[in-house]
Amino acid sequence: MTQKHIDVVISHSEIDRGLASLVKSALKAAGMRVWTMTEIPSGSDWQAAIRDAMLRAECIVVLLTRNSLTSSRLTFEVGMAMGTAKPIFVFYDGLSADELPSYVHQHHVADVSQLPAIIDEMKTQLGTMAAAH
């Protein structure tokens, strides 16, 4: 079975599904193939599904909110993302940059309101990576 190509995996807290949906829509409108945890079939091994998606993706978007700061599952996903050595874009909402965990600052970090401007950078990076393959 051929696995479909993924440009971006969005990692987010379960509570932040609405925000993830908005970000997914913006990325898809820009022509990116996006995967979120809503694509995991009920009863499946969520850790394996997320790991597989991250390994097939070109980059990973992490959404941080007050809800996600206390989510051990999201912390696990961020660690998994870091282990892929792929570009990670961290978008925060409802927080100040000072409230973000220190480990995210080594990645591209921006307020989610800056998403439209950063989409162009993401597309450029994806194009550069595609050309290298």
N, C-alpha and C. Protein backbone atom coordinates (compact mmCIF):
# COMPACT_ATOMS: atom_id res chain seq x y z
N MET A 1 0.83 -1.18 0.00
CA MET A 1 0.00 0.00 0.00
C MET A 1 0.89 1.25 0.00
N THR A 2 0.62 2.17 -0.89
CA THR A 2 1.39 3.41 -0.98
C THR A 2 0.84 4.42 0.02
N GLN A 3 1.72 4.99 0.81
CA GLN A 3 1.33 6.00 1.78
C GLN A 3 1.22 7.34 1.08
N LYS A 4 0.18 8.10 1.40
CA LYS A 4 0.06 9.41 0.76
C LYS A 4 1.07 10.38 1.35
N HIS A 5 1.52 11.28 0.49
CA HIS A 5 2.51 12.28 0.90
C HIS A 5 1.85 13.32 1.81
N ILE A 6 2.59 13.74 2.80
CA ILE A 6 2.11 14.77 3.74
C ILE A 6 3.13 15.91 3.74
N ASP A 7 2.66 17.13 3.57
CA ASP A 7 3.55 18.28 3.69
C ASP A 7 3.70 18.67 5.16
N VAL A 8 2.58 18.72 5.87
CA VAL A 8 2.58 19.26 7.23
C VAL A 8 1.72 18.38 8.16
N VAL A 9 2.27 18.07 9.32
CA VAL A 9 1.50 17.46 10.41
C VAL A 9 1.25 18.55 11.43
N ILE A 10 0.01 18.66 11.90
CA ILE A 10 -0.30 19.63 12.96
C ILE A 10 -0.46 18.87 14.27
N SER A 11 0.35 19.24 15.24
CA SER A 11 0.29 18.67 16.58
C SER A 11 -0.39 19.68 17.49
N HIS A 12 -1.43 19.22 18.19
CA HIS A 12 -2.20 20.15 19.03
C HIS A 12 -2.89 19.39 20.15
N SER A 13 -3.29 20.14 21.16
CA SER A 13 -4.07 19.57 22.24
C SER A 13 -5.46 19.22 21.73
N GLU A 14 -6.02 18.14 22.25
CA GLU A 14 -7.38 17.72 21.88
C GLU A 14 -8.37 18.87 22.05
N ILE A 15 -8.21 19.66 23.08
CA ILE A 15 -9.12 20.77 23.37
C ILE A 15 -9.02 21.86 22.30
N ASP A 16 -7.91 21.93 21.60
CA ASP A 16 -7.69 22.99 20.61
C ASP A 16 -8.03 22.55 19.18
N ARG A 17 -8.96 21.62 19.04
CA ARG A 17 -9.36 21.15 17.71
C ARG A 17 -9.83 22.28 16.80
N GLY A 18 -10.55 23.25 17.35
CA GLY A 18 -11.05 24.37 16.55
C GLY A 18 -9.92 25.19 15.96
N LEU A 19 -8.93 25.51 16.78
CA LEU A 19 -7.76 26.26 16.30
C LEU A 19 -7.01 25.44 15.26
N ALA A 20 -6.85 24.15 15.52
CA ALA A 20 -6.15 23.27 14.57
C ALA A 20 -6.89 23.24 13.23
N SER A 21 -8.20 23.24 13.27
CA SER A 21 -9.00 23.23 12.05
C SER A 21 -8.79 24.52 11.24
N LEU A 22 -8.72 25.66 11.94
CA LEU A 22 -8.46 26.93 11.25
C LEU A 22 -7.08 26.95 10.60
N VAL A 23 -6.08 26.47 11.33
CA VAL A 23 -4.72 26.43 10.80
C VAL A 23 -4.66 25.46 9.62
N LYS A 24 -5.30 24.31 9.75
CA LYS A 24 -5.33 23.33 8.67
C LYS A 24 -5.96 23.94 7.41
N SER A 25 -7.06 24.65 7.59
CA SER A 25 -7.73 25.28 6.44
C SER A 25 -6.81 26.28 5.74
N ALA A 26 -6.09 27.08 6.52
CA ALA A 26 -5.18 28.07 5.94
C ALA A 26 -4.04 27.39 5.17
N LEU A 27 -3.50 26.33 5.73
CA LEU A 27 -2.40 25.61 5.07
C LEU A 27 -2.90 24.91 3.80
N LYS A 28 -4.08 24.30 3.88
CA LYS A 28 -4.65 23.64 2.70
C LYS A 28 -4.96 24.66 1.60
N ALA A 29 -5.45 25.82 1.99
CA ALA A 29 -5.74 26.87 1.00
C ALA A 29 -4.47 27.32 0.29
N ALA A 30 -3.34 27.15 0.94
CA ALA A 30 -2.04 27.51 0.35
C ALA A 30 -1.47 26.35 -0.47
N GLY A 31 -2.24 25.28 -0.61
CA GLY A 31 -1.82 24.15 -1.43
C GLY A 31 -1.04 23.07 -0.72
N MET A 32 -1.02 23.09 0.61
CA MET A 32 -0.27 22.08 1.35
C MET A 32 -1.16 20.89 1.71
N ARG A 33 -0.55 19.72 1.73
CA ARG A 33 -1.25 18.51 2.18
C ARG A 33 -1.02 18.39 3.68
N VAL A 34 -2.12 18.42 4.43
CA VAL A 34 -2.04 18.55 5.89
C VAL A 34 -2.67 17.34 6.57
N TRP A 35 -2.04 16.89 7.63
CA TRP A 35 -2.54 15.77 8.43
C TRP A 35 -2.74 16.24 9.86
N THR A 36 -3.87 15.87 10.46
CA THR A 36 -4.11 16.12 11.89
C THR A 36 -4.58 14.82 12.53
N MET A 37 -4.63 14.81 13.84
CA MET A 37 -5.00 13.59 14.55
C MET A 37 -6.45 13.19 14.31
N THR A 38 -7.25 14.06 13.71
CA THR A 38 -8.63 13.68 13.39
C THR A 38 -8.66 12.57 12.34
N GLU A 39 -7.53 12.31 11.69
CA GLU A 39 -7.46 11.27 10.68
C GLU A 39 -7.09 9.90 11.27
N ILE A 40 -6.92 9.83 12.57
CA ILE A 40 -6.61 8.55 13.22
C ILE A 40 -7.93 7.80 13.42
N PRO A 41 -8.05 6.60 12.85
CA PRO A 41 -9.28 5.83 13.05
C PRO A 41 -9.50 5.50 14.53
N SER A 42 -10.74 5.52 14.94
CA SER A 42 -11.09 5.21 16.32
C SER A 42 -10.54 3.84 16.70
N GLY A 43 -9.95 3.76 17.88
CA GLY A 43 -9.41 2.50 18.38
C GLY A 43 -8.00 2.19 17.90
N SER A 44 -7.44 3.05 17.06
CA SER A 44 -6.08 2.83 16.55
C SER A 44 -5.04 3.25 17.59
N ASP A 45 -3.83 2.79 17.39
CA ASP A 45 -2.71 3.18 18.23
C ASP A 45 -2.32 4.61 17.85
N TRP A 46 -2.73 5.60 18.63
CA TRP A 46 -2.52 7.00 18.27
C TRP A 46 -1.04 7.36 18.21
N GLN A 47 -0.23 6.77 19.09
CA GLN A 47 1.20 7.09 19.07
C GLN A 47 1.83 6.62 17.75
N ALA A 48 1.49 5.42 17.33
CA ALA A 48 2.05 4.90 16.08
C ALA A 48 1.55 5.71 14.88
N ALA A 49 0.27 6.09 14.91
CA ALA A 49 -0.29 6.87 13.80
C ALA A 49 0.38 8.24 13.68
N ILE A 50 0.59 8.89 14.81
CA ILE A 50 1.24 10.21 14.80
C ILE A 50 2.70 10.08 14.37
N ARG A 51 3.38 9.08 14.89
CA ARG A 51 4.79 8.85 14.52
C ARG A 51 4.90 8.60 13.00
N ASP A 52 4.01 7.76 12.46
CA ASP A 52 4.03 7.47 11.03
C ASP A 52 3.79 8.74 10.21
N ALA A 53 2.82 9.54 10.63
CA ALA A 53 2.52 10.78 9.91
C ALA A 53 3.71 11.74 9.96
N MET A 54 4.34 11.86 11.12
CA MET A 54 5.49 12.76 11.26
C MET A 54 6.66 12.30 10.39
N LEU A 55 6.85 10.99 10.29
CA LEU A 55 7.95 10.48 9.47
C LEU A 55 7.68 10.70 7.98
N ARG A 56 6.42 10.72 7.58
CA ARG A 56 6.07 10.96 6.16
C ARG A 56 5.98 12.44 5.82
N ALA A 57 5.88 13.29 6.82
CA ALA A 57 5.69 14.73 6.59
C ALA A 57 7.01 15.42 6.27
N GLU A 58 6.88 16.57 5.63
CA GLU A 58 8.05 17.41 5.35
C GLU A 58 8.37 18.34 6.51
N CYS A 59 7.32 18.77 7.23
CA CYS A 59 7.54 19.62 8.41
C CYS A 59 6.38 19.43 9.38
N ILE A 60 6.56 19.97 10.57
CA ILE A 60 5.59 19.78 11.64
C ILE A 60 5.22 21.14 12.22
N VAL A 61 3.92 21.33 12.42
CA VAL A 61 3.41 22.53 13.07
C VAL A 61 2.92 22.12 14.45
N VAL A 62 3.35 22.85 15.46
CA VAL A 62 2.92 22.62 16.84
C VAL A 62 2.11 23.84 17.28
N LEU A 63 0.91 23.58 17.79
CA LEU A 63 0.07 24.67 18.31
C LEU A 63 0.13 24.66 19.83
N LEU A 64 0.55 25.77 20.40
CA LEU A 64 0.62 25.89 21.86
C LEU A 64 -0.39 26.92 22.34
N THR A 65 -1.16 26.51 23.35
CA THR A 65 -2.15 27.37 24.00
C THR A 65 -2.08 27.08 25.50
N ARG A 66 -2.86 27.79 26.27
CA ARG A 66 -2.92 27.48 27.71
C ARG A 66 -3.32 26.03 27.93
N ASN A 67 -4.23 25.53 27.10
CA ASN A 67 -4.67 24.13 27.23
C ASN A 67 -3.51 23.16 27.01
N SER A 68 -2.69 23.44 26.02
CA SER A 68 -1.65 22.48 25.66
C SER A 68 -0.44 22.52 26.60
N LEU A 69 -0.26 23.60 27.32
CA LEU A 69 0.89 23.69 28.23
C LEU A 69 0.86 22.60 29.29
N THR A 70 -0.32 22.10 29.61
CA THR A 70 -0.44 21.05 30.63
C THR A 70 -0.72 19.68 30.02
N SER A 71 -0.65 19.56 28.71
CA SER A 71 -0.94 18.30 28.03
C SER A 71 0.32 17.44 27.91
N SER A 72 0.35 16.33 28.63
CA SER A 72 1.51 15.43 28.52
C SER A 72 1.55 14.80 27.14
N ARG A 73 0.41 14.62 26.54
CA ARG A 73 0.34 14.03 25.20
C ARG A 73 0.99 14.96 24.17
N LEU A 74 0.72 16.25 24.28
CA LEU A 74 1.33 17.19 23.33
C LEU A 74 2.83 17.28 23.57
N THR A 75 3.25 17.25 24.82
CA THR A 75 4.69 17.26 25.12
C THR A 75 5.36 16.04 24.49
N PHE A 76 4.70 14.89 24.56
CA PHE A 76 5.20 13.68 23.92
C PHE A 76 5.33 13.89 22.41
N GLU A 77 4.29 14.49 21.80
CA GLU A 77 4.31 14.73 20.36
C GLU A 77 5.42 15.70 19.95
N VAL A 78 5.66 16.71 20.76
CA VAL A 78 6.73 17.66 20.46
C VAL A 78 8.08 16.93 20.51
N GLY A 79 8.26 16.09 21.51
CA GLY A 79 9.49 15.29 21.59
C GLY A 79 9.65 14.39 20.37
N MET A 80 8.56 13.77 19.95
CA MET A 80 8.59 12.92 18.77
C MET A 80 8.95 13.75 17.53
N ALA A 81 8.36 14.94 17.43
CA ALA A 81 8.65 15.83 16.30
C ALA A 81 10.12 16.21 16.28
N MET A 82 10.66 16.53 17.45
CA MET A 82 12.07 16.91 17.53
C MET A 82 12.96 15.75 17.10
N GLY A 83 12.54 14.53 17.39
CA GLY A 83 13.30 13.35 17.02
C GLY A 83 13.34 13.09 15.52
N THR A 84 12.43 13.69 14.76
CA THR A 84 12.42 13.50 13.31
C THR A 84 13.47 14.35 12.61
N ALA A 85 14.00 15.35 13.29
CA ALA A 85 14.97 16.30 12.72
C ALA A 85 14.39 17.06 11.53
N LYS A 86 13.07 17.21 11.50
CA LYS A 86 12.41 17.96 10.43
C LYS A 86 12.10 19.36 10.93
N PRO A 87 11.88 20.30 10.02
CA PRO A 87 11.54 21.66 10.46
C PRO A 87 10.27 21.66 11.31
N ILE A 88 10.33 22.40 12.39
CA ILE A 88 9.18 22.53 13.30
C ILE A 88 8.82 24.01 13.40
N PHE A 89 7.55 24.29 13.15
CA PHE A 89 7.02 25.64 13.27
C PHE A 89 6.07 25.63 14.47
N VAL A 90 6.36 26.46 15.47
CA VAL A 90 5.54 26.53 16.67
C VAL A 90 4.71 27.80 16.62
N PHE A 91 3.40 27.64 16.69
CA PHE A 91 2.49 28.79 16.73
C PHE A 91 1.79 28.78 18.08
N TYR A 92 1.78 29.94 18.72
CA TYR A 92 1.12 30.04 20.02
C TYR A 92 -0.07 30.98 19.94
N ASP A 93 -1.04 30.73 20.82
CA ASP A 93 -2.27 31.51 20.84
C ASP A 93 -2.70 31.69 22.29
N GLY A 94 -2.95 32.94 22.66
CA GLY A 94 -3.42 33.21 24.02
C GLY A 94 -2.31 33.18 25.06
N LEU A 95 -1.09 33.19 24.62
CA LEU A 95 0.08 33.17 25.50
C LEU A 95 1.04 34.27 25.07
N SER A 96 1.94 34.62 25.95
CA SER A 96 3.03 35.51 25.55
C SER A 96 4.23 34.62 25.25
N ALA A 97 5.17 35.14 24.51
CA ALA A 97 6.37 34.36 24.17
C ALA A 97 7.12 33.94 25.44
N ASP A 98 7.02 34.74 26.50
CA ASP A 98 7.70 34.41 27.76
C ASP A 98 7.12 33.18 28.44
N GLU A 99 5.87 32.85 28.13
CA GLU A 99 5.21 31.71 28.78
C GLU A 99 5.48 30.38 28.08
N LEU A 100 6.13 30.42 26.94
CA LEU A 100 6.38 29.20 26.17
C LEU A 100 7.48 28.37 26.81
N PRO A 101 7.38 27.04 26.69
CA PRO A 101 8.45 26.20 27.22
C PRO A 101 9.78 26.51 26.53
N SER A 102 10.86 26.45 27.26
CA SER A 102 12.15 26.82 26.70
C SER A 102 12.56 25.97 25.49
N TYR A 103 12.16 24.71 25.46
CA TYR A 103 12.59 23.83 24.38
C TYR A 103 12.02 24.21 23.02
N VAL A 104 10.97 25.04 22.96
CA VAL A 104 10.42 25.40 21.64
C VAL A 104 11.20 26.53 20.98
N HIS A 105 11.97 27.26 21.73
CA HIS A 105 12.64 28.44 21.17
C HIS A 105 13.75 28.11 20.17
N GLN A 106 14.13 26.85 20.07
CA GLN A 106 15.12 26.47 19.06
C GLN A 106 14.48 26.27 17.68
N HIS A 107 13.16 26.42 17.61
CA HIS A 107 12.41 26.25 16.37
C HIS A 107 11.84 27.60 15.93
N HIS A 108 11.18 27.61 14.79
CA HIS A 108 10.54 28.84 14.33
C HIS A 108 9.29 29.05 15.19
N VAL A 109 9.25 30.12 15.95
CA VAL A 109 8.16 30.39 16.89
C VAL A 109 7.48 31.70 16.52
N ALA A 110 6.14 31.69 16.46
CA ALA A 110 5.40 32.90 16.14
C ALA A 110 3.99 32.83 16.70
N ASP A 111 3.42 33.98 16.94
CA ASP A 111 2.01 34.07 17.31
C ASP A 111 1.19 33.56 16.14
N VAL A 112 0.12 32.83 16.41
CA VAL A 112 -0.70 32.26 15.34
C VAL A 112 -1.26 33.34 14.41
N SER A 113 -1.36 34.57 14.89
CA SER A 113 -1.83 35.66 14.03
C SER A 113 -0.87 35.93 12.88
N GLN A 114 0.37 35.46 13.00
CA GLN A 114 1.37 35.65 11.96
C GLN A 114 1.38 34.51 10.93
N LEU A 115 0.47 33.56 11.07
CA LEU A 115 0.42 32.41 10.18
C LEU A 115 0.40 32.78 8.70
N PRO A 116 -0.44 33.72 8.26
CA PRO A 116 -0.45 34.04 6.82
C PRO A 116 0.92 34.44 6.28
N ALA A 117 1.67 35.21 7.04
CA ALA A 117 3.00 35.64 6.58
C ALA A 117 3.98 34.47 6.59
N ILE A 118 3.84 33.57 7.51
CA ILE A 118 4.79 32.46 7.65
C ILE A 118 4.49 31.33 6.67
N ILE A 119 3.25 31.27 6.17
CA ILE A 119 2.91 30.23 5.18
C ILE A 119 3.83 30.32 3.97
N ASP A 120 4.14 31.54 3.53
CA ASP A 120 5.05 31.68 2.38
C ASP A 120 6.42 31.11 2.69
N GLU A 121 6.91 31.35 3.89
CA GLU A 121 8.21 30.79 4.30
C GLU A 121 8.14 29.27 4.34
N MET A 122 7.04 28.73 4.84
CA MET A 122 6.87 27.29 4.90
C MET A 122 6.86 26.70 3.49
N LYS A 123 6.14 27.33 2.57
CA LYS A 123 6.08 26.84 1.20
C LYS A 123 7.45 26.88 0.54
N THR A 124 8.22 27.92 0.81
CA THR A 124 9.57 28.01 0.26
C THR A 124 10.42 26.88 0.81
N GLN A 125 10.33 26.64 2.10
CA GLN A 125 11.11 25.58 2.72
C GLN A 125 10.68 24.22 2.16
N LEU A 126 9.38 24.00 1.99
CA LEU A 126 8.91 22.74 1.42
C LEU A 126 9.40 22.57 -0.01
N GLY A 127 9.39 23.66 -0.78
CA GLY A 127 9.89 23.60 -2.15
C GLY A 127 11.36 23.28 -2.22
N THR A 128 12.14 23.85 -1.32
CA THR A 128 13.57 23.58 -1.26
C THR A 128 13.83 22.12 -0.91
N MET A 129 13.04 21.60 0.04
CA MET A 129 13.21 20.20 0.45
C MET A 129 12.80 19.26 -0.68
N ALA A 130 11.73 19.59 -1.42
CA ALA A 130 11.28 18.76 -2.53
C ALA A 130 12.33 18.71 -3.62
N ALA A 131 12.96 19.84 -3.89
CA ALA A 131 14.00 19.91 -4.93
C ALA A 131 15.22 19.07 -4.55
N ALA A 132 15.47 18.94 -3.25
CA ALA A 132 16.62 18.16 -2.78
C ALA A 132 16.38 16.65 -2.90
N HIS A 133 15.09 16.25 -2.96
CA HIS A 133 14.78 14.81 -3.05
C HIS A 133 15.01 14.36 -4.43
